Every structure is written in structure tokens, then in C-alpha cells.
Amino acid sequence: MLISDQVAVVTGAGSGLGRATAQMLLQAGARVAAIDLQAPAPAGPHAEGFLALSGDVRDEGGMEAGFAPMPSP
């Protein structure tokens, strides 16, 4: 996959498949914004490109608030 230097947003990244997906993307060189009801903790040596966000994807207002800390490109 050509994802090096790309930004990926992973929902449900607090556990299970979402967490595994976020870790795989980090290891492949992507920067990852991981979102879950509780902000996911970074795992492993690739935490530099990891941004943990807290929010509920079912709530538009919650998503706006969750992504507020994200830096602009």
C-alpha cells in the first residue's frame, strides 16, 4: 500500500479491529487520527504520528468537537 505520509482517520480505534487497523497504518508510515468514545492510548514505537481523539461518530456535534484539536494541513 502507498500510504506513507498519508493521513488516516480510524473510528473505533480504542480496541479490537479499529485498534489493530490504526497500528497497521502507523507501521506502514501513515499518520493516524484515532477516534473512539474514550480517546485511544498510543501503542508502540510509532506513537509520533498518532493523534488520539475522543468522540461519538453518531453525533455530528461530537465529531466537530472531537476533531477540533486536529492541526490544519
PDB file of N, CA and C in Angstrom:
ATOM      1  N   MET A   1       0.831  -1.185   0.000  1.00  0.00           N
ATOM      2  CA  MET A   1       0.000   0.000   0.000  1.00  0.00           C
ATOM      3  C   MET A   1       0.872   1.243   0.000  1.00  0.00           C
ATOM      4  N   LEU A   2       0.465   2.242  -0.721  1.00  0.00           N
ATOM      5  CA  LEU A   2       1.177   3.509  -0.754  1.00  0.00           C
ATOM      6  C   LEU A   2       0.504   4.488   0.203  1.00  0.00           C
ATOM      7  N   ILE A   3       0.759   4.314   1.471  1.00  0.00           N
ATOM      8  CA  ILE A   3       0.105   5.183   2.451  1.00  0.00           C
ATOM      9  C   ILE A   3       1.097   6.001   3.258  1.00  0.00           C
ATOM     10  N   SER A   4       2.368   5.871   2.952  1.00  0.00           N
ATOM     11  CA  SER A   4       3.366   6.651   3.665  1.00  0.00           C
ATOM     12  C   SER A   4       3.061   8.134   3.509  1.00  0.00           C
ATOM     13  N   ASP A   5       3.125   8.849   4.598  1.00  0.00           N
ATOM     14  CA  ASP A   5       2.855  10.290   4.636  1.00  0.00           C
ATOM     15  C   ASP A   5       1.408  10.663   4.335  1.00  0.00           C
ATOM     16  N   GLN A   6       0.491   9.709   4.399  1.00  0.00           N
ATOM     17  CA  GLN A   6      -0.936   9.984   4.250  1.00  0.00           C
ATOM     18  C   GLN A   6      -1.553  10.098   5.646  1.00  0.00           C
ATOM     19  N   VAL A   7      -2.714  10.695   5.721  1.00  0.00           N
ATOM     20  CA  VAL A   7      -3.434  10.792   6.997  1.00  0.00           C
ATOM     21  C   VAL A   7      -4.637   9.861   6.939  1.00  0.00           C
ATOM     22  N   ALA A   8      -4.770   9.041   7.961  1.00  0.00           N
ATOM     23  CA  ALA A   8      -5.895   8.117   8.052  1.00  0.00           C
ATOM     24  C   ALA A   8      -6.689   8.435   9.317  1.00  0.00           C
ATOM     25  N   VAL A   9      -8.005   8.396   9.203  1.00  0.00           N
ATOM     26  CA  VAL A   9      -8.880   8.549  10.354  1.00  0.00           C
ATOM     27  C   VAL A   9      -9.496   7.187  10.620  1.00  0.00           C
ATOM     28  N   VAL A  10      -9.282   6.670  11.821  1.00  0.00           N
ATOM     29  CA  VAL A  10      -9.782   5.349  12.185  1.00  0.00           C
ATOM     30  C   VAL A  10     -10.782   5.510  13.326  1.00  0.00           C
ATOM     31  N   THR A  11     -12.009   5.096  13.088  1.00  0.00           N
ATOM     32  CA  THR A  11     -13.020   5.124  14.147  1.00  0.00           C
ATOM     33  C   THR A  11     -13.004   3.787  14.879  1.00  0.00           C
ATOM     34  N   GLY A  12     -13.421   3.808  16.127  1.00  0.00           N
ATOM     35  CA  GLY A  12     -13.425   2.582  16.923  1.00  0.00           C
ATOM     36  C   GLY A  12     -12.014   2.105  17.235  1.00  0.00           C
ATOM     37  N   ALA A  13     -11.070   3.049  17.337  1.00  0.00           N
ATOM     38  CA  ALA A  13      -9.656   2.694  17.494  1.00  0.00           C
ATOM     39  C   ALA A  13      -9.264   2.389  18.931  1.00  0.00           C
ATOM     40  N   GLY A  14     -10.219   2.359  19.836  1.00  0.00           N
ATOM     41  CA  GLY A  14      -9.907   2.074  21.230  1.00  0.00           C
ATOM     42  C   GLY A  14      -9.622   0.614  21.498  1.00  0.00           C
ATOM     43  N   SER A  15     -10.123  -0.274  20.624  1.00  0.00           N
ATOM     44  CA  SER A  15      -9.915  -1.703  20.856  1.00  0.00           C
ATOM     45  C   SER A  15     -10.233  -2.477  19.580  1.00  0.00           C
ATOM     46  N   GLY A  16      -9.951  -3.750  19.615  1.00  0.00           N
ATOM     47  CA  GLY A  16     -10.330  -4.664  18.546  1.00  0.00           C
ATOM     48  C   GLY A  16      -9.782  -4.313  17.173  1.00  0.00           C
ATOM     49  N   LEU A  17     -10.654  -4.448  16.164  1.00  0.00           N
ATOM     50  CA  LEU A  17     -10.232  -4.214  14.779  1.00  0.00           C
ATOM     51  C   LEU A  17      -9.801  -2.781  14.528  1.00  0.00           C
ATOM     52  N   GLY A  18     -10.477  -1.831  15.159  1.00  0.00           N
ATOM     53  CA  GLY A  18     -10.100  -0.435  14.981  1.00  0.00           C
ATOM     54  C   GLY A  18      -8.697  -0.165  15.485  1.00  0.00           C
ATOM     55  N   ARG A  19      -8.365  -0.695  16.651  1.00  0.00           N
ATOM     56  CA  ARG A  19      -7.023  -0.521  17.209  1.00  0.00           C
ATOM     57  C   ARG A  19      -5.980  -1.206  16.331  1.00  0.00           C
ATOM     58  N   ALA A  20      -6.267  -2.421  15.889  1.00  0.00           N
ATOM     59  CA  ALA A  20      -5.337  -3.153  15.028  1.00  0.00           C
ATOM     60  C   ALA A  20      -5.123  -2.411  13.710  1.00  0.00           C
ATOM     61  N   THR A  21      -6.191  -1.839  13.162  1.00  0.00           N
ATOM     62  CA  THR A  21      -6.083  -1.083  11.913  1.00  0.00           C
ATOM     63  C   THR A  21      -5.218   0.158  12.112  1.00  0.00           C
ATOM     64  N   ALA A  22      -5.433   0.882  13.201  1.00  0.00           N
ATOM     65  CA  ALA A  22      -4.632   2.066  13.489  1.00  0.00           C
ATOM     66  C   ALA A  22      -3.158   1.701  13.623  1.00  0.00           C
ATOM     67  N   GLN A  23      -2.847   0.623  14.310  1.00  0.00           N
ATOM     68  CA  GLN A  23      -1.461   0.193  14.480  1.00  0.00           C
ATOM     69  C   GLN A  23      -0.839  -0.199  13.142  1.00  0.00           C
ATOM     70  N   MET A  24      -1.596  -0.916  12.298  1.00  0.00           N
ATOM     71  CA  MET A  24      -1.088  -1.324  10.997  1.00  0.00           C
ATOM     72  C   MET A  24      -0.776  -0.112  10.126  1.00  0.00           C
ATOM     73  N   LEU A  25      -1.670   0.883  10.152  1.00  0.00           N
ATOM     74  CA  LEU A  25      -1.453   2.092   9.359  1.00  0.00           C
ATOM     75  C   LEU A  25      -0.231   2.868   9.847  1.00  0.00           C
ATOM     76  N   LEU A  26      -0.060   2.954  11.160  1.00  0.00           N
ATOM     77  CA  LEU A  26       1.124   3.614  11.718  1.00  0.00           C
ATOM     78  C   LEU A  26       2.397   2.911  11.282  1.00  0.00           C
ATOM     79  N   GLN A  27       2.407   1.601  11.354  1.00  0.00           N
ATOM     80  CA  GLN A  27       3.581   0.826  10.970  1.00  0.00           C
ATOM     81  C   GLN A  27       3.887   0.970   9.488  1.00  0.00           C
ATOM     82  N   ALA A  28       2.860   1.237   8.681  1.00  0.00           N
ATOM     83  CA  ALA A  28       3.048   1.414   7.245  1.00  0.00           C
ATOM     84  C   ALA A  28       3.469   2.841   6.890  1.00  0.00           C
ATOM     85  N   GLY A  29       3.533   3.730   7.897  1.00  0.00           N
ATOM     86  CA  GLY A  29       4.022   5.077   7.652  1.00  0.00           C
ATOM     87  C   GLY A  29       2.978   6.167   7.592  1.00  0.00           C
ATOM     88  N   ALA A  30       1.718   5.824   7.796  1.00  0.00           N
ATOM     89  CA  ALA A  30       0.659   6.837   7.781  1.00  0.00           C
ATOM     90  C   ALA A  30       0.626   7.576   9.113  1.00  0.00           C
ATOM     91  N   ARG A  31       0.097   8.782   9.080  1.00  0.00           N
ATOM     92  CA  ARG A  31      -0.235   9.498  10.311  1.00  0.00           C
ATOM     93  C   ARG A  31      -1.683   9.156  10.602  1.00  0.00           C
ATOM     94  N   VAL A  32      -1.996   8.853  11.856  1.00  0.00           N
ATOM     95  CA  VAL A  32      -3.315   8.320  12.197  1.00  0.00           C
ATOM     96  C   VAL A  32      -4.013   9.198  13.225  1.00  0.00           C
ATOM     97  N   ALA A  33      -5.236   9.593  12.900  1.00  0.00           N
ATOM     98  CA  ALA A  33      -6.140  10.214  13.862  1.00  0.00           C
ATOM     99  C   ALA A  33      -7.100   9.108  14.290  1.00  0.00           C
ATOM    100  N   ALA A  34      -6.955   8.680  15.532  1.00  0.00           N
ATOM    101  CA  ALA A  34      -7.750   7.571  16.050  1.00  0.00           C
ATOM    102  C   ALA A  34      -8.836   8.124  16.955  1.00  0.00           C
ATOM    103  N   ILE A  35     -10.070   7.730  16.679  1.00  0.00           N
ATOM    104  CA  ILE A  35     -11.192   8.260  17.455  1.00  0.00           C
ATOM    105  C   ILE A  35     -12.012   7.125  18.054  1.00  0.00           C
ATOM    106  N   ASP A  36     -12.453   7.344  19.279  1.00  0.00           N
ATOM    107  CA  ASP A  36     -13.306   6.378  19.962  1.00  0.00           C
ATOM    108  C   ASP A  36     -14.055   7.144  21.047  1.00  0.00           C
ATOM    109  N   LEU A  37     -14.998   6.486  21.702  1.00  0.00           N
ATOM    110  CA  LEU A  37     -15.743   7.139  22.773  1.00  0.00           C
ATOM    111  C   LEU A  37     -14.798   7.612  23.877  1.00  0.00           C
ATOM    112  N   GLN A  38     -13.785   6.819  24.162  1.00  0.00           N
ATOM    113  CA  GLN A  38     -12.702   7.200  25.075  1.00  0.00           C
ATOM    114  C   GLN A  38     -11.460   7.327  24.201  1.00  0.00           C
ATOM    115  N   ALA A  39     -10.716   8.408  24.319  1.00  0.00           N
ATOM    116  CA  ALA A  39      -9.534   8.612  23.473  1.00  0.00           C
ATOM    117  C   ALA A  39      -8.592   7.423  23.590  1.00  0.00           C
ATOM    118  N   PRO A  40      -8.259   6.794  22.461  1.00  0.00           N
ATOM    119  CA  PRO A  40      -7.370   5.632  22.487  1.00  0.00           C
ATOM    120  C   PRO A  40      -5.954   6.014  22.918  1.00  0.00           C
ATOM    121  N   ALA A  41      -5.314   5.123  23.641  1.00  0.00           N
ATOM    122  CA  ALA A  41      -3.929   5.343  24.048  1.00  0.00           C
ATOM    123  C   ALA A  41      -3.004   4.918  22.918  1.00  0.00           C
ATOM    124  N   PRO A  42      -1.950   5.699  22.662  1.00  0.00           N
ATOM    125  CA  PRO A  42      -0.985   5.281  21.639  1.00  0.00           C
ATOM    126  C   PRO A  42      -0.292   4.003  22.079  1.00  0.00           C
ATOM    127  N   ALA A  43       0.042   3.174  21.118  1.00  0.00           N
ATOM    128  CA  ALA A  43       0.704   1.916  21.443  1.00  0.00           C
ATOM    129  C   ALA A  43       1.925   1.740  20.559  1.00  0.00           C
ATOM    130  N   GLY A  44       2.999   1.332  21.151  1.00  0.00           N
ATOM    131  CA  GLY A  44       4.197   1.009  20.397  1.00  0.00           C
ATOM    132  C   GLY A  44       5.048   2.210  20.039  1.00  0.00           C
ATOM    133  N   PRO A  45       6.108   1.934  19.300  1.00  0.00           N
ATOM    134  CA  PRO A  45       7.098   2.970  18.978  1.00  0.00           C
ATOM    135  C   PRO A  45       6.638   3.963  17.927  1.00  0.00           C
ATOM    136  N   HIS A  46       5.490   3.751  17.303  1.00  0.00           N
ATOM    137  CA  HIS A  46       5.019   4.613  16.219  1.00  0.00           C
ATOM    138  C   HIS A  46       4.076   5.708  16.707  1.00  0.00           C
ATOM    139  N   ALA A  47       4.100   5.983  17.993  1.00  0.00           N
ATOM    140  CA  ALA A  47       3.148   6.925  18.574  1.00  0.00           C
ATOM    141  C   ALA A  47       3.342   8.357  18.077  1.00  0.00           C
ATOM    142  N   GLU A  48       4.476   8.664  17.461  1.00  0.00           N
ATOM    143  CA  GLU A  48       4.736  10.027  16.995  1.00  0.00           C
ATOM    144  C   GLU A  48       3.699  10.500  15.989  1.00  0.00           C
ATOM    145  N   GLY A  49       3.241   9.675  15.095  1.00  0.00           N
ATOM    146  CA  GLY A  49       2.264  10.060  14.089  1.00  0.00           C
ATOM    147  C   GLY A  49       0.840   9.759  14.491  1.00  0.00           C
ATOM    148  N   PHE A  50       0.595   9.675  15.790  1.00  0.00           N
ATOM    149  CA  PHE A  50      -0.694   9.226  16.315  1.00  0.00           C
ATOM    150  C   PHE A  50      -1.389  10.361  17.053  1.00  0.00           C
ATOM    151  N   LEU A  51      -2.630  10.631  16.692  1.00  0.00           N
ATOM    152  CA  LEU A  51      -3.438  11.627  17.387  1.00  0.00           C
ATOM    153  C   LEU A  51      -4.681  10.934  17.921  1.00  0.00           C
ATOM    154  N   ALA A  52      -4.835  10.899  19.240  1.00  0.00           N
ATOM    155  CA  ALA A  52      -5.982  10.260  19.873  1.00  0.00           C
ATOM    156  C   ALA A  52      -7.080  11.288  20.080  1.00  0.00           C
ATOM    157  N   LEU A  53      -8.275  10.959  19.611  1.00  0.00           N
ATOM    158  CA  LEU A  53      -9.423  11.851  19.730  1.00  0.00           C
ATOM    159  C   LEU A  53     -10.564  11.124  20.426  1.00  0.00           C
ATOM    160  N   SER A  54     -11.314  11.857  21.195  1.00  0.00           N
ATOM    161  CA  SER A  54     -12.470  11.307  21.892  1.00  0.00           C
ATOM    162  C   SER A  54     -13.728  11.873  21.247  1.00  0.00           C
ATOM    163  N   GLY A  55     -14.661  11.001  20.900  1.00  0.00           N
ATOM    164  CA  GLY A  55     -15.908  11.468  20.331  1.00  0.00           C
ATOM    165  C   GLY A  55     -16.816  10.326  19.923  1.00  0.00           C
ATOM    166  N   ASP A  56     -18.036  10.678  19.605  1.00  0.00           N
ATOM    167  CA  ASP A  56     -19.056   9.714  19.199  1.00  0.00           C
ATOM    168  C   ASP A  56     -19.403   9.987  17.733  1.00  0.00           C
ATOM    169  N   VAL A  57     -19.076   9.042  16.850  1.00  0.00           N
ATOM    170  CA  VAL A  57     -19.300   9.254  15.419  1.00  0.00           C
ATOM    171  C   VAL A  57     -20.777   9.352  15.062  1.00  0.00           C
ATOM    172  N   ARG A  58     -21.667   9.001  15.988  1.00  0.00           N
ATOM    173  CA  ARG A  58     -23.105   9.111  15.726  1.00  0.00           C
ATOM    174  C   ARG A  58     -23.621  10.518  15.968  1.00  0.00           C
ATOM    175  N   ASP A  59     -22.767  11.385  16.530  1.00  0.00           N
ATOM    176  CA  ASP A  59     -23.173  12.732  16.909  1.00  0.00           C
ATOM    177  C   ASP A  59     -22.332  13.762  16.146  1.00  0.00           C
ATOM    178  N   GLU A  60     -22.959  14.490  15.207  1.00  0.00           N
ATOM    179  CA  GLU A  60     -22.225  15.448  14.386  1.00  0.00           C
ATOM    180  C   GLU A  60     -21.506  16.498  15.231  1.00  0.00           C
ATOM    181  N   GLY A  61     -22.184  17.015  16.241  1.00  0.00           N
ATOM    182  CA  GLY A  61     -21.560  17.991  17.125  1.00  0.00           C
ATOM    183  C   GLY A  61     -20.380  17.407  17.871  1.00  0.00           C
ATOM    184  N   GLY A  62     -20.510  16.155  18.262  1.00  0.00           N
ATOM    185  CA  GLY A  62     -19.412  15.471  18.934  1.00  0.00           C
ATOM    186  C   GLY A  62     -18.216  15.281  18.028  1.00  0.00           C
ATOM    187  N   MET A  63     -18.482  15.037  16.759  1.00  0.00           N
ATOM    188  CA  MET A  63     -17.391  14.885  15.796  1.00  0.00           C
ATOM    189  C   MET A  63     -16.661  16.201  15.583  1.00  0.00           C
ATOM    190  N   GLU A  64     -17.413  17.272  15.474  1.00  0.00           N
ATOM    191  CA  GLU A  64     -16.776  18.581  15.308  1.00  0.00           C
ATOM    192  C   GLU A  64     -15.897  18.890  16.506  1.00  0.00           C
ATOM    193  N   ALA A  65     -16.396  18.620  17.698  1.00  0.00           N
ATOM    194  CA  ALA A  65     -15.615  18.861  18.913  1.00  0.00           C
ATOM    195  C   ALA A  65     -14.416  17.921  18.976  1.00  0.00           C
ATOM    196  N   GLY A  66     -14.606  16.676  18.553  1.00  0.00           N
ATOM    197  CA  GLY A  66     -13.524  15.695  18.589  1.00  0.00           C
ATOM    198  C   GLY A  66     -12.380  16.038  17.669  1.00  0.00           C
ATOM    199  N   PHE A  67     -12.691  16.610  16.508  1.00  0.00           N
ATOM    200  CA  PHE A  67     -11.645  16.942  15.546  1.00  0.00           C
ATOM    201  C   PHE A  67     -11.084  18.338  15.734  1.00  0.00           C
ATOM    202  N   ALA A  68     -11.633  19.112  16.664  1.00  0.00           N
ATOM    203  CA  ALA A  68     -11.146  20.481  16.891  1.00  0.00           C
ATOM    204  C   ALA A  68      -9.647  20.533  17.174  1.00  0.00           C
ATOM    205  N   PRO A  69      -9.058  19.572  17.938  1.00  0.00           N
ATOM    206  CA  PRO A  69      -7.622  19.671  18.218  1.00  0.00           C
ATOM    207  C   PRO A  69      -6.726  19.302  17.033  1.00  0.00           C
ATOM    208  N   MET A  70      -7.316  18.815  15.956  1.00  0.00           N
ATOM    209  CA  MET A  70      -6.524  18.365  14.815  1.00  0.00           C
ATOM    210  C   MET A  70      -5.891  19.558  14.094  1.00  0.00           C
ATOM    211  N   PRO A  71      -4.575  19.503  13.844  1.00  0.00           N
ATOM    212  CA  PRO A  71      -3.914  20.606  13.158  1.00  0.00           C
ATOM    213  C   PRO A  71      -4.362  20.724  11.702  1.00  0.00           C
ATOM    214  N   SER A  72      -4.393  21.930  11.201  1.00  0.00           N
ATOM    215  CA  SER A  72      -4.745  22.161   9.793  1.00  0.00           C
ATOM    216  C   SER A  72      -3.567  21.782   8.918  1.00  0.00           C
ATOM    217  N   PRO A  73      -3.830  21.307   7.689  1.00  0.00           N
ATOM    218  CA  PRO A  73      -2.723  20.930   6.794  1.00  0.00           C
ATOM    219  C   PRO A  73      -1.919  22.110   6.344  1.00  0.00           C
TER     220      PRO A  73
END
